[in-house]
Amino acid sequence: MQLYVIRRPSAWASAEALKEAAARSAQIGNEEMSDRVRWIRSYVVNEADGRLGTFCIYEAKDGEAIREHARRVGMPGEEFYPVASTVVVRPDPAEPAAG
């Protein structure tokens, strides 16, 4: 499988909508397409229009698997790039504990 970065700009109006899409994405990836796609992580960004977007890291068999997964979930999946290399200067910082 190849590592990909998937850009989903302004795809969600709220954190709740993103949470619902994430649950569906995990379910479809884990239960229906586990031999073709594997969700690694996502970075959620605040878009200029006030919506939420993501940069997602996936392993996938090919670009068609990414498109099919996105179609089944009902989210954007046409803007993706194969990762040529990874440079890690530091690990991702830990999120603060909810208090």
N, C-alpha and C. Protein backbone atom coordinates (compact mmCIF):
# COMPACT_ATOMS: atom_id res chain seq x y z
N MET A 1 0.84 -1.17 0.00
CA MET A 1 0.00 0.00 0.00
C MET A 1 0.89 1.24 0.00
N GLN A 2 0.37 2.30 -0.58
CA GLN A 2 1.06 3.59 -0.71
C GLN A 2 0.50 4.56 0.33
N LEU A 3 1.34 5.44 0.85
CA LEU A 3 0.90 6.48 1.77
C LEU A 3 0.44 7.69 0.96
N TYR A 4 -0.70 8.29 1.36
CA TYR A 4 -1.27 9.44 0.67
C TYR A 4 -1.64 10.53 1.67
N VAL A 5 -1.60 11.78 1.19
CA VAL A 5 -2.18 12.92 1.90
C VAL A 5 -3.43 13.32 1.11
N ILE A 6 -4.56 13.44 1.82
CA ILE A 6 -5.82 13.81 1.18
C ILE A 6 -6.26 15.15 1.75
N ARG A 7 -6.53 16.10 0.88
CA ARG A 7 -7.01 17.43 1.28
C ARG A 7 -8.52 17.48 1.11
N ARG A 8 -9.21 17.85 2.19
CA ARG A 8 -10.66 17.99 2.15
C ARG A 8 -11.01 19.41 2.61
N PRO A 9 -10.96 20.38 1.69
CA PRO A 9 -11.17 21.78 2.09
C PRO A 9 -12.63 22.11 2.39
N SER A 10 -12.83 22.84 3.48
CA SER A 10 -14.17 23.35 3.86
C SER A 10 -15.27 22.30 3.75
N ALA A 11 -14.97 21.09 4.18
CA ALA A 11 -15.91 19.99 3.99
C ALA A 11 -16.99 19.90 5.06
N TRP A 12 -16.77 20.54 6.23
CA TRP A 12 -17.73 20.40 7.32
C TRP A 12 -18.08 21.75 7.92
N ALA A 13 -19.35 21.91 8.26
CA ALA A 13 -19.84 23.17 8.85
C ALA A 13 -19.60 23.22 10.35
N SER A 14 -19.42 22.06 10.98
CA SER A 14 -19.27 22.04 12.44
C SER A 14 -18.41 20.85 12.87
N ALA A 15 -17.95 20.93 14.11
CA ALA A 15 -17.18 19.82 14.68
C ALA A 15 -18.05 18.56 14.78
N GLU A 16 -19.33 18.74 15.06
CA GLU A 16 -20.24 17.59 15.16
C GLU A 16 -20.38 16.88 13.80
N ALA A 17 -20.51 17.65 12.73
CA ALA A 17 -20.60 17.05 11.39
C ALA A 17 -19.31 16.30 11.05
N LEU A 18 -18.18 16.87 11.43
CA LEU A 18 -16.90 16.20 11.19
C LEU A 18 -16.81 14.91 12.01
N LYS A 19 -17.25 14.95 13.25
CA LYS A 19 -17.24 13.76 14.10
C LYS A 19 -18.08 12.63 13.50
N GLU A 20 -19.25 12.97 12.98
CA GLU A 20 -20.11 11.97 12.34
C GLU A 20 -19.44 11.37 11.10
N ALA A 21 -18.82 12.24 10.28
CA ALA A 21 -18.13 11.75 9.08
C ALA A 21 -16.94 10.87 9.46
N ALA A 22 -16.23 11.24 10.52
CA ALA A 22 -15.08 10.46 10.97
C ALA A 22 -15.51 9.06 11.41
N ALA A 23 -16.62 8.98 12.13
CA ALA A 23 -17.12 7.67 12.58
C ALA A 23 -17.48 6.80 11.38
N ARG A 24 -18.16 7.40 10.40
CA ARG A 24 -18.54 6.65 9.19
C ARG A 24 -17.30 6.24 8.40
N SER A 25 -16.33 7.14 8.31
CA SER A 25 -15.09 6.85 7.60
C SER A 25 -14.36 5.66 8.22
N ALA A 26 -14.25 5.68 9.54
CA ALA A 26 -13.57 4.57 10.23
C ALA A 26 -14.32 3.26 10.03
N GLN A 27 -15.64 3.32 10.13
CA GLN A 27 -16.44 2.11 9.97
C GLN A 27 -16.27 1.51 8.58
N ILE A 28 -16.38 2.33 7.56
CA ILE A 28 -16.26 1.84 6.19
C ILE A 28 -14.84 1.33 5.93
N GLY A 29 -13.85 2.09 6.39
CA GLY A 29 -12.47 1.65 6.19
C GLY A 29 -12.16 0.34 6.91
N ASN A 30 -12.63 0.22 8.14
CA ASN A 30 -12.31 -0.96 8.94
C ASN A 30 -13.14 -2.18 8.57
N GLU A 31 -14.40 -1.97 8.20
CA GLU A 31 -15.31 -3.10 7.99
C GLU A 31 -15.53 -3.46 6.53
N GLU A 32 -15.47 -2.48 5.63
CA GLU A 32 -15.81 -2.75 4.24
C GLU A 32 -14.62 -2.70 3.28
N MET A 33 -13.58 -1.97 3.66
CA MET A 33 -12.47 -1.76 2.71
C MET A 33 -11.11 -1.97 3.35
N SER A 34 -11.02 -2.77 4.39
CA SER A 34 -9.78 -2.92 5.15
C SER A 34 -8.61 -3.42 4.31
N ASP A 35 -8.90 -4.08 3.21
CA ASP A 35 -7.83 -4.57 2.34
C ASP A 35 -7.38 -3.51 1.33
N ARG A 36 -8.08 -2.33 1.31
CA ARG A 36 -7.78 -1.30 0.29
C ARG A 36 -7.40 0.06 0.86
N VAL A 37 -7.91 0.40 2.06
CA VAL A 37 -7.59 1.70 2.66
C VAL A 37 -7.40 1.55 4.16
N ARG A 38 -6.53 2.41 4.70
CA ARG A 38 -6.29 2.43 6.13
C ARG A 38 -6.07 3.88 6.56
N TRP A 39 -6.98 4.40 7.37
CA TRP A 39 -6.89 5.77 7.86
C TRP A 39 -5.84 5.81 8.96
N ILE A 40 -4.87 6.69 8.82
CA ILE A 40 -3.79 6.82 9.80
C ILE A 40 -4.06 7.96 10.78
N ARG A 41 -4.30 9.18 10.25
CA ARG A 41 -4.59 10.34 11.10
C ARG A 41 -5.12 11.46 10.24
N SER A 42 -5.69 12.47 10.89
CA SER A 42 -6.15 13.67 10.20
C SER A 42 -5.78 14.89 11.01
N TYR A 43 -5.47 15.96 10.31
CA TYR A 43 -5.25 17.27 10.91
C TYR A 43 -6.44 18.13 10.50
N VAL A 44 -7.16 18.64 11.49
CA VAL A 44 -8.34 19.47 11.24
C VAL A 44 -7.90 20.93 11.23
N VAL A 45 -8.34 21.67 10.22
CA VAL A 45 -7.96 23.07 10.09
C VAL A 45 -9.21 23.95 9.99
N ASN A 46 -9.07 25.17 10.52
CA ASN A 46 -10.11 26.18 10.38
C ASN A 46 -9.93 26.85 9.03
N GLU A 47 -10.94 26.80 8.18
CA GLU A 47 -10.87 27.40 6.86
C GLU A 47 -11.28 28.87 6.91
N ALA A 48 -10.88 29.63 5.91
CA ALA A 48 -11.18 31.06 5.84
C ALA A 48 -12.68 31.34 5.82
N ASP A 49 -13.48 30.39 5.32
CA ASP A 49 -14.93 30.59 5.24
C ASP A 49 -15.67 30.20 6.52
N GLY A 50 -14.90 29.84 7.57
CA GLY A 50 -15.50 29.47 8.85
C GLY A 50 -15.81 27.99 8.99
N ARG A 51 -15.63 27.23 7.93
CA ARG A 51 -15.88 25.80 7.97
C ARG A 51 -14.62 25.06 8.40
N LEU A 52 -14.73 23.76 8.57
CA LEU A 52 -13.59 22.93 8.91
C LEU A 52 -13.14 22.13 7.70
N GLY A 53 -11.85 22.01 7.54
CA GLY A 53 -11.26 21.17 6.51
C GLY A 53 -10.29 20.21 7.16
N THR A 54 -9.78 19.27 6.38
CA THR A 54 -8.81 18.32 6.92
C THR A 54 -7.71 18.03 5.92
N PHE A 55 -6.58 17.65 6.47
CA PHE A 55 -5.50 17.01 5.74
C PHE A 55 -5.40 15.62 6.37
N CYS A 56 -5.69 14.59 5.59
CA CYS A 56 -5.76 13.23 6.11
C CYS A 56 -4.59 12.40 5.58
N ILE A 57 -4.07 11.55 6.43
CA ILE A 57 -3.02 10.62 6.06
C ILE A 57 -3.66 9.23 5.98
N TYR A 58 -3.55 8.63 4.82
CA TYR A 58 -4.11 7.29 4.58
C TYR A 58 -3.06 6.42 3.93
N GLU A 59 -3.16 5.14 4.16
CA GLU A 59 -2.52 4.15 3.31
C GLU A 59 -3.61 3.62 2.40
N ALA A 60 -3.30 3.46 1.12
CA ALA A 60 -4.31 2.96 0.20
C ALA A 60 -3.65 2.13 -0.89
N LYS A 61 -4.44 1.22 -1.43
CA LYS A 61 -3.97 0.38 -2.53
C LYS A 61 -3.65 1.25 -3.74
N ASP A 62 -4.52 2.25 -3.99
CA ASP A 62 -4.34 3.15 -5.13
C ASP A 62 -5.31 4.32 -5.00
N GLY A 63 -5.23 5.25 -5.92
CA GLY A 63 -6.11 6.41 -5.90
C GLY A 63 -7.58 6.06 -6.01
N GLU A 64 -7.89 5.02 -6.74
CA GLU A 64 -9.28 4.62 -6.88
C GLU A 64 -9.87 4.16 -5.54
N ALA A 65 -9.06 3.52 -4.70
CA ALA A 65 -9.52 3.11 -3.37
C ALA A 65 -9.85 4.34 -2.53
N ILE A 66 -9.04 5.40 -2.64
CA ILE A 66 -9.32 6.64 -1.91
C ILE A 66 -10.64 7.24 -2.39
N ARG A 67 -10.82 7.32 -3.70
CA ARG A 67 -12.07 7.87 -4.25
C ARG A 67 -13.28 7.05 -3.81
N GLU A 68 -13.17 5.73 -3.85
CA GLU A 68 -14.28 4.85 -3.49
C GLU A 68 -14.63 5.01 -2.01
N HIS A 69 -13.63 5.05 -1.17
CA HIS A 69 -13.86 5.23 0.27
C HIS A 69 -14.58 6.56 0.51
N ALA A 70 -14.10 7.64 -0.08
CA ALA A 70 -14.72 8.96 0.09
C ALA A 70 -16.16 8.96 -0.41
N ARG A 71 -16.39 8.31 -1.55
CA ARG A 71 -17.74 8.24 -2.10
C ARG A 71 -18.68 7.53 -1.14
N ARG A 72 -18.23 6.40 -0.59
CA ARG A 72 -19.07 5.65 0.35
C ARG A 72 -19.36 6.45 1.62
N VAL A 73 -18.38 7.22 2.07
CA VAL A 73 -18.56 8.03 3.28
C VAL A 73 -19.43 9.25 2.99
N GLY A 74 -19.32 9.79 1.77
CA GLY A 74 -20.05 11.00 1.41
C GLY A 74 -19.25 12.25 1.71
N MET A 75 -17.94 12.19 1.46
CA MET A 75 -17.07 13.34 1.69
C MET A 75 -16.14 13.52 0.50
N PRO A 76 -15.50 14.69 0.38
CA PRO A 76 -14.59 14.92 -0.74
C PRO A 76 -13.44 13.92 -0.74
N GLY A 77 -12.98 13.56 -1.93
CA GLY A 77 -11.87 12.62 -2.01
C GLY A 77 -11.12 12.69 -3.32
N GLU A 78 -11.18 13.82 -3.98
CA GLU A 78 -10.51 13.94 -5.28
C GLU A 78 -9.14 14.61 -5.21
N GLU A 79 -8.85 15.32 -4.10
CA GLU A 79 -7.57 16.01 -4.00
C GLU A 79 -6.65 15.20 -3.09
N PHE A 80 -5.81 14.38 -3.69
CA PHE A 80 -4.89 13.55 -2.91
C PHE A 80 -3.55 13.44 -3.62
N TYR A 81 -2.53 13.15 -2.81
CA TYR A 81 -1.16 13.13 -3.32
C TYR A 81 -0.41 11.96 -2.72
N PRO A 82 0.29 11.17 -3.53
CA PRO A 82 1.14 10.12 -2.97
C PRO A 82 2.30 10.77 -2.20
N VAL A 83 2.63 10.21 -1.06
CA VAL A 83 3.75 10.73 -0.25
C VAL A 83 5.04 10.15 -0.81
N ALA A 84 5.97 11.05 -1.14
CA ALA A 84 7.27 10.62 -1.66
C ALA A 84 8.23 10.26 -0.53
N SER A 85 8.12 10.99 0.57
CA SER A 85 9.03 10.79 1.70
C SER A 85 8.43 11.48 2.92
N THR A 86 8.88 11.09 4.10
CA THR A 86 8.43 11.71 5.34
C THR A 86 9.64 12.22 6.10
N VAL A 87 9.56 13.46 6.55
CA VAL A 87 10.59 14.06 7.38
C VAL A 87 9.94 14.41 8.71
N VAL A 88 10.38 13.78 9.78
CA VAL A 88 9.83 14.07 11.10
C VAL A 88 10.92 14.77 11.91
N VAL A 89 10.69 16.03 12.21
CA VAL A 89 11.62 16.79 13.03
C VAL A 89 11.31 16.54 14.51
N ARG A 90 10.03 16.53 14.82
CA ARG A 90 9.54 16.24 16.17
C ARG A 90 8.23 15.47 16.02
N PRO A 91 7.88 14.65 16.99
CA PRO A 91 6.56 14.01 16.95
C PRO A 91 5.48 15.05 17.15
N ASP A 92 4.28 14.73 16.72
CA ASP A 92 3.14 15.63 16.96
C ASP A 92 3.03 15.90 18.45
N PRO A 93 2.77 17.14 18.83
CA PRO A 93 2.60 17.43 20.26
C PRO A 93 1.33 16.76 20.79
N ALA A 94 1.37 16.37 22.04
CA ALA A 94 0.19 15.78 22.67
C ALA A 94 -0.86 16.84 22.89
N GLU A 95 -2.12 16.48 22.67
CA GLU A 95 -3.21 17.42 22.93
C GLU A 95 -3.41 17.54 24.43
N PRO A 96 -3.74 18.73 24.92
CA PRO A 96 -3.98 18.87 26.37
C PRO A 96 -5.16 18.01 26.82
N ALA A 97 -5.05 17.48 28.02
CA ALA A 97 -6.12 16.65 28.56
C ALA A 97 -7.36 17.51 28.83
N ALA A 98 -8.52 16.95 28.50
CA ALA A 98 -9.78 17.65 28.76
C ALA A 98 -9.96 17.77 30.26
N GLY A 99 -10.37 18.94 30.70
CA GLY A 99 -10.42 19.12 32.12
C GLY A 99 -11.70 19.43 32.66
